[in-house]
Amino acid sequence: MNPQAYRSWTVDTSESLVPKVRPWLPAELVAFAKDMADTIHMMALPSRLIVYLSVCVLLQLPFFCYEQDSRGSDALHFFHFDGQPSPTSDLRLLLERQVSWDDAGPGFFNPSGLRLSFEKIDEQTTPGGRVAARYRVFAPGAPENKVYAIDSWPVDKNVSADPRDIYVNGQGLLMIHRPKPEQESSFNAADDEFEIAPVTESAEPIRYLLTSKDGQLLVFGTLVPHPLAADDQGCGLEVRIAQRESGTLLIVAGGFPAKAKIPLVLQSEGEIASEMLLTDSNGHAVMAGSPSLPDKAQGTFKATAEGPHCLPSVVLPWSADPHAAAEKTPEKTRKR
């Protein structure tokens, strides 16, 4: 299979692994993970990240992918309103991949738990008249003696690879040329730095992956240029678009008590669903679901999380037309 074909891998390719490994004993899983690691190292980009995420999600090998506690639970929880169909297996796998990407911590290919970070430079107007922010990208702690590649994964699109070689300086700044001696400690490098200017809708993330070309390091990062988020007394609640076709969202909570059950109230056009967010040791939790209702063409979705001393709330308009809701202006609130 050539690299171009790897880019179009879907759930069907990866699911063939499931019946072969789930009955195995833990020792056999460890051996399998080591063999898989050697295989992934030899693959062309961006196929490494597709196989990597598939193994993490389908085999649930926390020692291979990330710290076991990094996501708080073994399965992504879903909310639902009455009358909604259950998510398909393909959709579940897609969302698991997204959350694994967003929450990836220390693991086999990233022992130190490095993460990409993004620094806004300015805003520019696109040829279509839209405003897009421009960012420089950092990978603090990434070795300087490696050559890297970078991939991006927008919502509802395939992973795509940037054709250029990428380098980092002593500050972790991503560059398109090897840093000059005078650039080693720089936090910006003018025309030599790697910059991005993603055009996205409100609450729409775009995911990036920096991979060393020797296949030994993967550094994930997620950027939401126009976040729909609320903060209250240190607690945060954010809604992210996961898939427009199904209207699926990710609800991301942070800053809550560790290892706690946080009440979450969801409202959509008169329908109410009461759920419980299960936070990890960092007070972080994620839940997925859709705000749309079978008998409604459009509406407003509201999510409110109740912490011991905080009550962040986020409001998002939705539409049965996957492109119509993107044109509306969402709201964010902070309650006490």
C-alpha atoms as a PDB file:
ATOM      1  CA  MET A   1       0.000   0.000   0.000  1.00  0.00           C
ATOM      2  CA  ASN A   2       1.420   3.420  -0.942  1.00  0.00           C
ATOM      3  CA  PRO A   3       1.426   6.505   1.343  1.00  0.00           C
ATOM      4  CA  GLN A   4      -1.472   8.097  -0.516  1.00  0.00           C
ATOM      5  CA  ALA A   5      -3.619   5.048   0.140  1.00  0.00           C
ATOM      6  CA  TYR A   6      -2.736   5.178   3.839  1.00  0.00           C
ATOM      7  CA  ARG A   7      -4.332   8.610   4.085  1.00  0.00           C
ATOM      8  CA  SER A   8      -7.745   7.174   3.267  1.00  0.00           C
ATOM      9  CA  TRP A   9      -7.686   4.395   5.877  1.00  0.00           C
ATOM     10  CA  THR A  10     -11.033   4.006   7.576  1.00  0.00           C
ATOM     11  CA  VAL A  11     -12.499   2.109  10.477  1.00  0.00           C
ATOM     12  CA  ASP A  12     -12.942  -0.992   8.329  1.00  0.00           C
ATOM     13  CA  THR A  13      -9.186  -1.416   7.950  1.00  0.00           C
ATOM     14  CA  SER A  14      -8.495  -1.246  11.659  1.00  0.00           C
ATOM     15  CA  GLU A  15     -11.465  -3.226  12.968  1.00  0.00           C
ATOM     16  CA  SER A  16     -10.054  -6.410  11.442  1.00  0.00           C
ATOM     17  CA  LEU A  17      -7.549  -6.436  14.302  1.00  0.00           C
ATOM     18  CA  VAL A  18     -10.154  -6.585  17.052  1.00  0.00           C
ATOM     19  CA  PRO A  19     -11.164 -10.279  17.163  1.00  0.00           C
ATOM     20  CA  LYS A  20      -7.528 -11.340  16.965  1.00  0.00           C
ATOM     21  CA  VAL A  21      -6.319  -9.484  20.040  1.00  0.00           C
ATOM     22  CA  ARG A  22      -9.142  -9.070  22.538  1.00  0.00           C
ATOM     23  CA  PRO A  23      -9.012 -12.682  23.801  1.00  0.00           C
ATOM     24  CA  TRP A  24      -5.260 -12.485  24.400  1.00  0.00           C
ATOM     25  CA  LEU A  25      -3.614 -12.477  27.826  1.00  0.00           C
ATOM     26  CA  PRO A  26      -1.851  -9.284  29.040  1.00  0.00           C
ATOM     27  CA  ALA A  27       1.644 -10.716  28.370  1.00  0.00           C
ATOM     28  CA  GLU A  28       0.679 -11.427  24.785  1.00  0.00           C
ATOM     29  CA  LEU A  29      -0.706  -7.909  24.444  1.00  0.00           C
ATOM     30  CA  VAL A  30       2.614  -6.500  25.566  1.00  0.00           C
ATOM     31  CA  ALA A  31       4.440  -8.566  22.949  1.00  0.00           C
ATOM     32  CA  PHE A  32       1.950  -7.470  20.322  1.00  0.00           C
ATOM     33  CA  ALA A  33       2.452  -3.802  21.240  1.00  0.00           C
ATOM     34  CA  LYS A  34       6.219  -4.102  20.861  1.00  0.00           C
ATOM     35  CA  ASP A  35       5.866  -5.795  17.484  1.00  0.00           C
ATOM     36  CA  MET A  36       3.371  -3.153  16.405  1.00  0.00           C
ATOM     37  CA  ALA A  37       5.759  -0.378  17.472  1.00  0.00           C
ATOM     38  CA  ASP A  38       8.515  -1.787  15.261  1.00  0.00           C
ATOM     39  CA  THR A  39       6.082  -1.986  12.356  1.00  0.00           C
ATOM     40  CA  ILE A  40       4.816   1.569  12.835  1.00  0.00           C
ATOM     41  CA  HIS A  41       8.376   2.920  12.877  1.00  0.00           C
ATOM     42  CA  MET A  42       8.876   1.638   9.330  1.00  0.00           C
ATOM     43  CA  MET A  43       5.639   3.081   7.922  1.00  0.00           C
ATOM     44  CA  ALA A  44       5.425   6.186   5.788  1.00  0.00           C
ATOM     45  CA  LEU A  45       3.703   9.294   7.046  1.00  0.00           C
ATOM     46  CA  PRO A  46       0.857   9.918   7.715  1.00  0.00           C
ATOM     47  CA  SER A  47       0.045   6.218   8.045  1.00  0.00           C
ATOM     48  CA  ARG A  48       1.853   5.977  11.404  1.00  0.00           C
ATOM     49  CA  LEU A  49      -0.671   8.148  13.201  1.00  0.00           C
ATOM     50  CA  ILE A  50      -3.680   6.313  11.743  1.00  0.00           C
ATOM     51  CA  VAL A  51      -2.390   2.929  12.894  1.00  0.00           C
ATOM     52  CA  TYR A  52      -1.245   4.391  16.216  1.00  0.00           C
ATOM     53  CA  LEU A  53      -4.662   5.845  17.043  1.00  0.00           C
ATOM     54  CA  SER A  54      -6.435   2.705  15.873  1.00  0.00           C
ATOM     55  CA  VAL A  55      -4.328   0.534  18.177  1.00  0.00           C
ATOM     56  CA  CYS A  56      -4.864   2.911  21.107  1.00  0.00           C
ATOM     57  CA  VAL A  57      -8.632   3.016  20.671  1.00  0.00           C
ATOM     58  CA  LEU A  58      -9.445  -0.496  19.533  1.00  0.00           C
ATOM     59  CA  LEU A  59      -7.056  -2.456  21.729  1.00  0.00           C
ATOM     60  CA  GLN A  60      -7.188  -0.049  24.675  1.00  0.00           C
ATOM     61  CA  LEU A  61      -3.502  -0.411  25.544  1.00  0.00           C
ATOM     62  CA  PRO A  62      -2.813   2.489  27.940  1.00  0.00           C
ATOM     63  CA  PHE A  63       0.838   1.477  28.443  1.00  0.00           C
ATOM     64  CA  PHE A  64       1.293   1.657  24.653  1.00  0.00           C
ATOM     65  CA  CYS A  65      -0.573   4.883  23.953  1.00  0.00           C
ATOM     66  CA  TYR A  66      -0.869   7.176  26.948  1.00  0.00           C
ATOM     67  CA  GLU A  67      -1.115   7.187  30.718  1.00  0.00           C
ATOM     68  CA  GLN A  68      -4.060   5.119  31.893  1.00  0.00           C
ATOM     69  CA  ASP A  69      -5.442   7.961  33.980  1.00  0.00           C
ATOM     70  CA  SER A  70      -5.136  10.608  31.293  1.00  0.00           C
ATOM     71  CA  ARG A  71      -8.762  10.264  30.243  1.00  0.00           C
ATOM     72  CA  GLY A  72     -10.338   9.181  33.489  1.00  0.00           C
ATOM     73  CA  SER A  73     -12.192   6.153  32.129  1.00  0.00           C
ATOM     74  CA  ASP A  74     -11.778   3.427  29.553  1.00  0.00           C
ATOM     75  CA  ALA A  75     -14.709   4.443  27.363  1.00  0.00           C
ATOM     76  CA  LEU A  76     -16.054   7.688  25.991  1.00  0.00           C
ATOM     77  CA  HIS A  77     -19.465   8.431  27.496  1.00  0.00           C
ATOM     78  CA  PHE A  78     -22.393   9.664  25.393  1.00  0.00           C
ATOM     79  CA  PHE A  79     -25.375  11.809  26.285  1.00  0.00           C
ATOM     80  CA  HIS A  80     -28.668  11.449  24.463  1.00  0.00           C
ATOM     81  CA  PHE A  81     -32.148  12.906  24.339  1.00  0.00           C
ATOM     82  CA  ASP A  82     -35.309  10.820  23.995  1.00  0.00           C
ATOM     83  CA  GLY A  83     -35.864   9.530  20.479  1.00  0.00           C
ATOM     84  CA  GLN A  84     -32.281   9.880  19.343  1.00  0.00           C
ATOM     85  CA  PRO A  85     -30.668   6.863  17.656  1.00  0.00           C
ATOM     86  CA  SER A  86     -27.597   5.292  19.219  1.00  0.00           C
ATOM     87  CA  PRO A  87     -24.263   6.335  17.661  1.00  0.00           C
ATOM     88  CA  THR A  88     -22.914   3.948  15.045  1.00  0.00           C
ATOM     89  CA  SER A  89     -19.718   2.006  15.616  1.00  0.00           C
ATOM     90  CA  ASP A  90     -17.974   4.129  12.967  1.00  0.00           C
ATOM     91  CA  LEU A  91     -18.987   7.333  14.747  1.00  0.00           C
ATOM     92  CA  ARG A  92     -17.885   5.969  18.108  1.00  0.00           C
ATOM     93  CA  LEU A  93     -14.484   5.105  16.694  1.00  0.00           C
ATOM     94  CA  LEU A  94     -14.117   8.539  15.103  1.00  0.00           C
ATOM     95  CA  LEU A  95     -14.892  10.256  18.404  1.00  0.00           C
ATOM     96  CA  GLU A  96     -12.555   7.962  20.328  1.00  0.00           C
ATOM     97  CA  ARG A  97      -9.788   8.899  17.905  1.00  0.00           C
ATOM     98  CA  GLN A  98     -10.503  12.592  18.378  1.00  0.00           C
ATOM     99  CA  VAL A  99     -10.462  12.349  22.171  1.00  0.00           C
ATOM    100  CA  SER A 100      -7.317  10.191  22.125  1.00  0.00           C
ATOM    101  CA  TRP A 101      -5.655  12.880  20.013  1.00  0.00           C
ATOM    102  CA  ASP A 102      -6.841  15.744  22.247  1.00  0.00           C
ATOM    103  CA  ASP A 103      -5.931  14.045  25.542  1.00  0.00           C
ATOM    104  CA  ALA A 104      -2.796  12.135  24.543  1.00  0.00           C
ATOM    105  CA  GLY A 105      -0.324  12.149  27.422  1.00  0.00           C
ATOM    106  CA  PRO A 106       2.906  10.244  28.114  1.00  0.00           C
ATOM    107  CA  GLY A 107       3.115   6.998  26.167  1.00  0.00           C
ATOM    108  CA  PHE A 108       5.215   4.645  24.107  1.00  0.00           C
ATOM    109  CA  PHE A 109       5.965   7.215  21.391  1.00  0.00           C
ATOM    110  CA  ASN A 110       6.044  10.215  23.739  1.00  0.00           C
ATOM    111  CA  PRO A 111       7.447   9.239  27.150  1.00  0.00           C
ATOM    112  CA  SER A 112       7.614  12.841  28.408  1.00  0.00           C
ATOM    113  CA  GLY A 113       4.054  13.705  27.381  1.00  0.00           C
ATOM    114  CA  LEU A 114       5.050  16.572  25.086  1.00  0.00           C
ATOM    115  CA  ARG A 115       2.227  18.616  23.561  1.00  0.00           C
ATOM    116  CA  LEU A 116       2.070  21.125  20.739  1.00  0.00           C
ATOM    117  CA  SER A 117       1.172  24.684  21.696  1.00  0.00           C
ATOM    118  CA  PHE A 118       0.005  27.539  19.504  1.00  0.00           C
ATOM    119  CA  GLU A 119       0.785  31.251  19.769  1.00  0.00           C
ATOM    120  CA  LYS A 120      -1.393  33.728  17.916  1.00  0.00           C
ATOM    121  CA  ILE A 121       0.563  36.151  15.730  1.00  0.00           C
ATOM    122  CA  ASP A 122      -2.158  38.238  14.095  1.00  0.00           C
ATOM    123  CA  GLU A 123      -5.321  38.010  12.017  1.00  0.00           C
ATOM    124  CA  GLN A 124      -5.541  38.020   8.253  1.00  0.00           C
ATOM    125  CA  THR A 125      -8.389  38.311   5.761  1.00  0.00           C
ATOM    126  CA  THR A 126      -8.739  35.383   3.374  1.00  0.00           C
ATOM    127  CA  PRO A 127      -9.530  35.795  -0.359  1.00  0.00           C
ATOM    128  CA  GLY A 128     -13.126  34.851   0.504  1.00  0.00           C
ATOM    129  CA  GLY A 129     -13.412  37.723   2.962  1.00  0.00           C
ATOM    130  CA  ARG A 130     -13.187  35.648   6.141  1.00  0.00           C
ATOM    131  CA  VAL A 131     -10.854  36.436   9.025  1.00  0.00           C
ATOM    132  CA  ALA A 132      -8.296  33.782   9.956  1.00  0.00           C
ATOM    133  CA  ALA A 133      -5.811  33.980  12.790  1.00  0.00           C
ATOM    134  CA  ARG A 134      -2.168  33.181  12.091  1.00  0.00           C
ATOM    135  CA  TYR A 135      -0.224  31.082  14.604  1.00  0.00           C
ATOM    136  CA  ARG A 136       3.308  29.931  15.265  1.00  0.00           C
ATOM    137  CA  VAL A 137       3.658  26.438  16.702  1.00  0.00           C
ATOM    138  CA  PHE A 138       5.820  25.123  19.534  1.00  0.00           C
ATOM    139  CA  ALA A 139       6.800  21.642  20.690  1.00  0.00           C
ATOM    140  CA  PRO A 140       8.596  22.419  23.979  1.00  0.00           C
ATOM    141  CA  GLY A 141      11.056  19.675  24.863  1.00  0.00           C
ATOM    142  CA  ALA A 142      11.216  18.114  21.406  1.00  0.00           C
ATOM    143  CA  PRO A 143      14.785  17.057  20.475  1.00  0.00           C
ATOM    144  CA  GLU A 144      16.583  19.444  18.144  1.00  0.00           C
ATOM    145  CA  ASN A 145      18.612  16.714  16.446  1.00  0.00           C
ATOM    146  CA  LYS A 146      15.663  15.256  14.534  1.00  0.00           C
ATOM    147  CA  VAL A 147      13.849  16.047  11.307  1.00  0.00           C
ATOM    148  CA  TYR A 148      10.075  16.163  11.630  1.00  0.00           C
ATOM    149  CA  ALA A 149       6.919  16.066   9.564  1.00  0.00           C
ATOM    150  CA  ILE A 150       3.619  17.647  10.511  1.00  0.00           C
ATOM    151  CA  ASP A 151       0.078  16.520   9.724  1.00  0.00           C
ATOM    152  CA  SER A 152      -3.269  18.250  10.212  1.00  0.00           C
ATOM    153  CA  TRP A 153      -6.751  16.843  10.749  1.00  0.00           C
ATOM    154  CA  PRO A 154      -9.661  19.283  10.224  1.00  0.00           C
ATOM    155  CA  VAL A 155     -13.219  18.370  11.163  1.00  0.00           C
ATOM    156  CA  ASP A 156     -14.956  16.212   8.523  1.00  0.00           C
ATOM    157  CA  LYS A 157     -11.778  15.870   6.448  1.00  0.00           C
ATOM    158  CA  ASN A 158      -8.967  13.355   6.098  1.00  0.00           C
ATOM    159  CA  VAL A 159      -5.594  13.772   7.728  1.00  0.00           C
ATOM    160  CA  SER A 160      -3.224  15.649   5.409  1.00  0.00           C
ATOM    161  CA  ALA A 161       0.556  15.914   5.486  1.00  0.00           C
ATOM    162  CA  ASP A 162       2.573  19.087   5.005  1.00  0.00           C
ATOM    163  CA  PRO A 163       5.256  18.251   2.384  1.00  0.00           C
ATOM    164  CA  ARG A 164       8.027  20.253   4.081  1.00  0.00           C
ATOM    165  CA  ASP A 165      10.653  19.047   6.534  1.00  0.00           C
ATOM    166  CA  ILE A 166      10.148  20.597   9.968  1.00  0.00           C
ATOM    167  CA  TYR A 167      12.797  21.427  12.577  1.00  0.00           C
ATOM    168  CA  VAL A 168      12.708  22.766  16.141  1.00  0.00           C
ATOM    169  CA  ASN A 169      15.019  25.151  17.974  1.00  0.00           C
ATOM    170  CA  GLY A 170      15.940  25.258  21.655  1.00  0.00           C
ATOM    171  CA  GLN A 171      12.591  26.833  22.587  1.00  0.00           C
ATOM    172  CA  GLY A 172      10.622  24.192  20.693  1.00  0.00           C
ATOM    173  CA  LEU A 173       9.672  26.643  17.934  1.00  0.00           C
ATOM    174  CA  LEU A 174       8.758  24.793  14.752  1.00  0.00           C
ATOM    175  CA  MET A 175      10.817  25.979  11.787  1.00  0.00           C
ATOM    176  CA  ILE A 176      10.957  25.211   8.068  1.00  0.00           C
ATOM    177  CA  HIS A 177      14.776  25.341   8.043  1.00  0.00           C
ATOM    178  CA  ARG A 178      17.407  24.174  10.471  1.00  0.00           C
ATOM    179  CA  PRO A 179      17.808  26.924  13.073  1.00  0.00           C
ATOM    180  CA  LYS A 180      20.790  29.204  12.663  1.00  0.00           C
ATOM    181  CA  PRO A 181      23.014  29.701  15.726  1.00  0.00           C
ATOM    182  CA  GLU A 182      21.391  33.057  16.452  1.00  0.00           C
ATOM    183  CA  GLN A 183      17.916  31.445  16.261  1.00  0.00           C
ATOM    184  CA  GLU A 184      18.518  28.701  18.824  1.00  0.00           C
ATOM    185  CA  SER A 185      16.913  30.631  21.691  1.00  0.00           C
ATOM    186  CA  SER A 186      14.361  32.590  19.663  1.00  0.00           C
ATOM    187  CA  PHE A 187      10.615  32.489  20.280  1.00  0.00           C
ATOM    188  CA  ASN A 188       9.991  33.719  16.720  1.00  0.00           C
ATOM    189  CA  ALA A 189      11.935  33.415  13.504  1.00  0.00           C
ATOM    190  CA  ALA A 190      10.190  35.596  10.910  1.00  0.00           C
ATOM    191  CA  ASP A 191      10.226  33.843   7.529  1.00  0.00           C
ATOM    192  CA  ASP A 192      11.932  30.729   8.910  1.00  0.00           C
ATOM    193  CA  GLU A 193       9.229  29.677  11.360  1.00  0.00           C
ATOM    194  CA  PHE A 194       6.427  27.252  10.571  1.00  0.00           C
ATOM    195  CA  GLU A 195       3.134  29.142  10.613  1.00  0.00           C
ATOM    196  CA  ILE A 196      -0.479  28.073  10.238  1.00  0.00           C
ATOM    197  CA  ALA A 197      -3.627  30.061   9.446  1.00  0.00           C
ATOM    198  CA  PRO A 198      -6.542  27.614   9.649  1.00  0.00           C
ATOM    199  CA  VAL A 199      -9.967  28.754   8.464  1.00  0.00           C
ATOM    200  CA  THR A 200     -12.552  27.219  10.791  1.00  0.00           C
ATOM    201  CA  GLU A 201     -16.058  27.842  12.091  1.00  0.00           C
ATOM    202  CA  SER A 202     -16.971  28.611  15.683  1.00  0.00           C
ATOM    203  CA  ALA A 203     -16.246  25.710  18.089  1.00  0.00           C
ATOM    204  CA  GLU A 204     -14.467  23.798  15.331  1.00  0.00           C
ATOM    205  CA  PRO A 205     -11.086  22.273  16.259  1.00  0.00           C
ATOM    206  CA  ILE A 206      -8.213  21.400  13.989  1.00  0.00           C
ATOM    207  CA  ARG A 207      -5.725  18.780  15.156  1.00  0.00           C
ATOM    208  CA  TYR A 208      -1.996  18.634  14.471  1.00  0.00           C
ATOM    209  CA  LEU A 209       0.624  15.933  14.853  1.00  0.00           C
ATOM    210  CA  LEU A 210       4.379  16.432  14.812  1.00  0.00           C
ATOM    211  CA  THR A 211       6.209  13.186  13.992  1.00  0.00           C
ATOM    212  CA  SER A 212       9.947  12.607  13.942  1.00  0.00           C
ATOM    213  CA  LYS A 213      10.936  11.033  10.641  1.00  0.00           C
ATOM    214  CA  ASP A 214      12.694   8.206  12.474  1.00  0.00           C
ATOM    215  CA  GLY A 215       9.250   7.262  13.826  1.00  0.00           C
ATOM    216  CA  GLN A 216      10.292   7.503  17.481  1.00  0.00           C
ATOM    217  CA  LEU A 217       8.314  10.557  18.621  1.00  0.00           C
ATOM    218  CA  LEU A 218       4.705  11.656  18.153  1.00  0.00           C
ATOM    219  CA  VAL A 219       3.584  15.015  19.576  1.00  0.00           C
ATOM    220  CA  PHE A 220      -0.130  15.810  19.405  1.00  0.00           C
ATOM    221  CA  GLY A 221      -1.891  19.157  19.647  1.00  0.00           C
ATOM    222  CA  THR A 222      -5.391  20.553  19.197  1.00  0.00           C
ATOM    223  CA  LEU A 223      -6.216  24.131  18.260  1.00  0.00           C
ATOM    224  CA  VAL A 224      -9.674  25.736  18.419  1.00  0.00           C
ATOM    225  CA  PRO A 225      -9.275  29.159  16.736  1.00  0.00           C
ATOM    226  CA  HIS A 226     -12.812  30.262  17.681  1.00  0.00           C
ATOM    227  CA  PRO A 227     -13.607  28.412  20.935  1.00  0.00           C
ATOM    228  CA  LEU A 228     -17.060  28.212  22.426  1.00  0.00           C
ATOM    229  CA  ALA A 229     -16.165  28.023  26.082  1.00  0.00           C
ATOM    230  CA  ALA A 230     -17.108  29.411  29.473  1.00  0.00           C
ATOM    231  CA  ASP A 231     -15.107  29.781  32.685  1.00  0.00           C
ATOM    232  CA  ASP A 232     -16.429  30.280  36.182  1.00  0.00           C
ATOM    233  CA  GLN A 233     -14.285  30.345  39.308  1.00  0.00           C
ATOM    234  CA  GLY A 234     -11.571  28.274  37.648  1.00  0.00           C
ATOM    235  CA  CYS A 235     -13.945  25.684  36.157  1.00  0.00           C
ATOM    236  CA  GLY A 236     -14.151  25.470  32.385  1.00  0.00           C
ATOM    237  CA  LEU A 237     -16.706  24.050  29.962  1.00  0.00           C
ATOM    238  CA  GLU A 238     -16.230  23.912  26.203  1.00  0.00           C
ATOM    239  CA  VAL A 239     -18.262  22.571  23.282  1.00  0.00           C
ATOM    240  CA  ARG A 240     -16.421  21.373  20.168  1.00  0.00           C
ATOM    241  CA  ILE A 241     -17.818  20.323  16.812  1.00  0.00           C
ATOM    242  CA  ALA A 242     -16.963  16.655  16.249  1.00  0.00           C
ATOM    243  CA  GLN A 243     -18.858  15.798  13.057  1.00  0.00           C
ATOM    244  CA  ARG A 244     -21.247  18.103  11.205  1.00  0.00           C
ATOM    245  CA  GLU A 245     -23.095  15.416   9.260  1.00  0.00           C
ATOM    246  CA  SER A 246     -24.358  13.745  12.444  1.00  0.00           C
ATOM    247  CA  GLY A 247     -24.405  16.979  14.453  1.00  0.00           C
ATOM    248  CA  THR A 248     -22.166  15.375  17.064  1.00  0.00           C
ATOM    249  CA  LEU A 249     -20.391  17.444  19.712  1.00  0.00           C
ATOM    250  CA  LEU A 250     -17.675  16.920  22.281  1.00  0.00           C
ATOM    251  CA  ILE A 251     -18.245  18.531  25.674  1.00  0.00           C
ATOM    252  CA  VAL A 252     -14.911  19.181  27.383  1.00  0.00           C
ATOM    253  CA  ALA A 253     -14.692  20.054  31.069  1.00  0.00           C
ATOM    254  CA  GLY A 254     -11.624  21.144  33.013  1.00  0.00           C
ATOM    255  CA  GLY A 255     -10.643  22.659  36.332  1.00  0.00           C
ATOM    256  CA  PHE A 256     -13.135  20.590  38.352  1.00  0.00           C
ATOM    257  CA  PRO A 257     -12.261  18.472  41.405  1.00  0.00           C
ATOM    258  CA  ALA A 258     -10.225  15.367  40.618  1.00  0.00           C
ATOM    259  CA  LYS A 259     -11.876  11.955  40.477  1.00  0.00           C
ATOM    260  CA  ALA A 260     -15.298  13.525  40.954  1.00  0.00           C
ATOM    261  CA  LYS A 261     -18.799  13.150  39.578  1.00  0.00           C
ATOM    262  CA  ILE A 262     -19.894  16.493  38.140  1.00  0.00           C
ATOM    263  CA  PRO A 263     -23.620  16.948  37.335  1.00  0.00           C
ATOM    264  CA  LEU A 264     -24.167  18.023  33.730  1.00  0.00           C
ATOM    265  CA  VAL A 265     -27.540  19.369  32.589  1.00  0.00           C
ATOM    266  CA  LEU A 266     -28.202  19.411  28.836  1.00  0.00           C
ATOM    267  CA  GLN A 267     -31.135  21.248  27.247  1.00  0.00           C
ATOM    268  CA  SER A 268     -32.357  21.276  23.659  1.00  0.00           C
ATOM    269  CA  GLU A 269     -35.693  22.785  22.600  1.00  0.00           C
ATOM    270  CA  GLY A 270     -37.530  21.779  25.772  1.00  0.00           C
ATOM    271  CA  GLU A 271     -35.831  18.383  26.110  1.00  0.00           C
ATOM    272  CA  ILE A 272     -33.627  17.903  29.170  1.00  0.00           C
ATOM    273  CA  ALA A 273     -30.988  15.265  29.816  1.00  0.00           C
ATOM    274  CA  SER A 274     -29.155  14.917  33.125  1.00  0.00           C
ATOM    275  CA  GLU A 275     -25.737  13.288  32.935  1.00  0.00           C
ATOM    276  CA  MET A 276     -22.673  12.881  35.117  1.00  0.00           C
ATOM    277  CA  LEU A 277     -19.171  13.904  34.076  1.00  0.00           C
ATOM    278  CA  LEU A 278     -16.508  11.609  35.548  1.00  0.00           C
ATOM    279  CA  THR A 279     -13.310  13.622  35.980  1.00  0.00           C
ATOM    280  CA  ASP A 280      -9.782  12.213  35.937  1.00  0.00           C
ATOM    281  CA  SER A 281      -6.969  13.048  38.356  1.00  0.00           C
ATOM    282  CA  ASN A 282      -6.569  16.425  36.619  1.00  0.00           C
ATOM    283  CA  GLY A 283     -10.238  17.385  36.949  1.00  0.00           C
ATOM    284  CA  HIS A 284     -10.775  16.822  33.225  1.00  0.00           C
ATOM    285  CA  ALA A 285     -13.661  15.012  31.523  1.00  0.00           C
ATOM    286  CA  VAL A 286     -15.124  14.582  28.035  1.00  0.00           C
ATOM    287  CA  MET A 287     -18.597  13.540  26.890  1.00  0.00           C
ATOM    288  CA  ALA A 288     -20.027  13.202  23.380  1.00  0.00           C
ATOM    289  CA  GLY A 289     -23.486  13.410  21.876  1.00  0.00           C
ATOM    290  CA  SER A 290     -25.818  15.277  19.546  1.00  0.00           C
ATOM    291  CA  PRO A 291     -28.196  18.143  20.427  1.00  0.00           C
ATOM    292  CA  SER A 292     -30.516  17.569  17.452  1.00  0.00           C
ATOM    293  CA  LEU A 293     -34.006  16.190  17.905  1.00  0.00           C
ATOM    294  CA  PRO A 294     -35.889  13.928  15.449  1.00  0.00           C
ATOM    295  CA  ASP A 295     -38.900  16.255  15.084  1.00  0.00           C
ATOM    296  CA  LYS A 296     -37.034  19.569  14.991  1.00  0.00           C
ATOM    297  CA  ALA A 297     -35.265  21.322  12.106  1.00  0.00           C
ATOM    298  CA  GLN A 298     -33.194  23.603  14.307  1.00  0.00           C
ATOM    299  CA  GLY A 299     -32.837  24.773  17.854  1.00  0.00           C
ATOM    300  CA  THR A 300     -30.592  25.867  20.694  1.00  0.00           C
ATOM    301  CA  PHE A 301     -28.459  23.597  22.857  1.00  0.00           C
ATOM    302  CA  LYS A 302     -27.316  24.509  26.351  1.00  0.00           C
ATOM    303  CA  ALA A 303     -24.853  22.633  28.554  1.00  0.00           C
ATOM    304  CA  THR A 304     -24.334  23.485  32.219  1.00  0.00           C
ATOM    305  CA  ALA A 305     -21.860  21.792  34.566  1.00  0.00           C
ATOM    306  CA  GLU A 306     -22.270  22.121  38.332  1.00  0.00           C
ATOM    307  CA  GLY A 307     -19.069  22.122  40.362  1.00  0.00           C
ATOM    308  CA  PRO A 308     -18.842  22.676  44.123  1.00  0.00           C
ATOM    309  CA  HIS A 309     -18.286  26.419  43.638  1.00  0.00           C
ATOM    310  CA  CYS A 310     -18.858  27.028  39.945  1.00  0.00           C
ATOM    311  CA  LEU A 311     -21.524  26.788  37.277  1.00  0.00           C
ATOM    312  CA  PRO A 312     -20.158  27.301  33.740  1.00  0.00           C
ATOM    313  CA  SER A 313     -22.700  27.187  30.928  1.00  0.00           C
ATOM    314  CA  VAL A 314     -22.387  27.173  27.127  1.00  0.00           C
ATOM    315  CA  VAL A 315     -25.069  27.763  24.472  1.00  0.00           C
ATOM    316  CA  LEU A 316     -24.849  26.576  20.863  1.00  0.00           C
ATOM    317  CA  PRO A 317     -27.373  26.904  18.007  1.00  0.00           C
ATOM    318  CA  TRP A 318     -27.902  23.738  15.971  1.00  0.00           C
ATOM    319  CA  SER A 319     -29.619  22.807  12.727  1.00  0.00           C
ATOM    320  CA  ALA A 320     -30.579  19.604  10.970  1.00  0.00           C
ATOM    321  CA  ASP A 321     -28.743  21.131   8.011  1.00  0.00           C
ATOM    322  CA  PRO A 322     -25.087  20.476   8.943  1.00  0.00           C
ATOM    323  CA  HIS A 323     -23.922  23.732   7.341  1.00  0.00           C
ATOM    324  CA  ALA A 324     -26.635  26.089   8.591  1.00  0.00           C
ATOM    325  CA  ALA A 325     -25.660  26.076  12.274  1.00  0.00           C
ATOM    326  CA  ALA A 326     -22.130  27.178  11.405  1.00  0.00           C
ATOM    327  CA  GLU A 327     -23.503  30.491  10.176  1.00  0.00           C
ATOM    328  CA  LYS A 328     -25.166  31.330  13.499  1.00  0.00           C
ATOM    329  CA  THR A 329     -23.471  33.053  16.402  1.00  0.00           C
ATOM    330  CA  PRO A 330     -23.136  30.900  19.525  1.00  0.00           C
ATOM    331  CA  GLU A 331     -23.062  32.191  23.061  1.00  0.00           C
ATOM    332  CA  LYS A 332     -21.092  31.544  26.186  1.00  0.00           C
ATOM    333  CA  THR A 333     -22.207  32.385  29.698  1.00  0.00           C
ATOM    334  CA  ARG A 334     -20.865  32.329  33.210  1.00  0.00           C
ATOM    335  CA  LYS A 335     -23.214  31.823  36.108  1.00  0.00           C
ATOM    336  CA  ARG A 336     -22.908  32.153  39.834  1.00  0.00           C
END
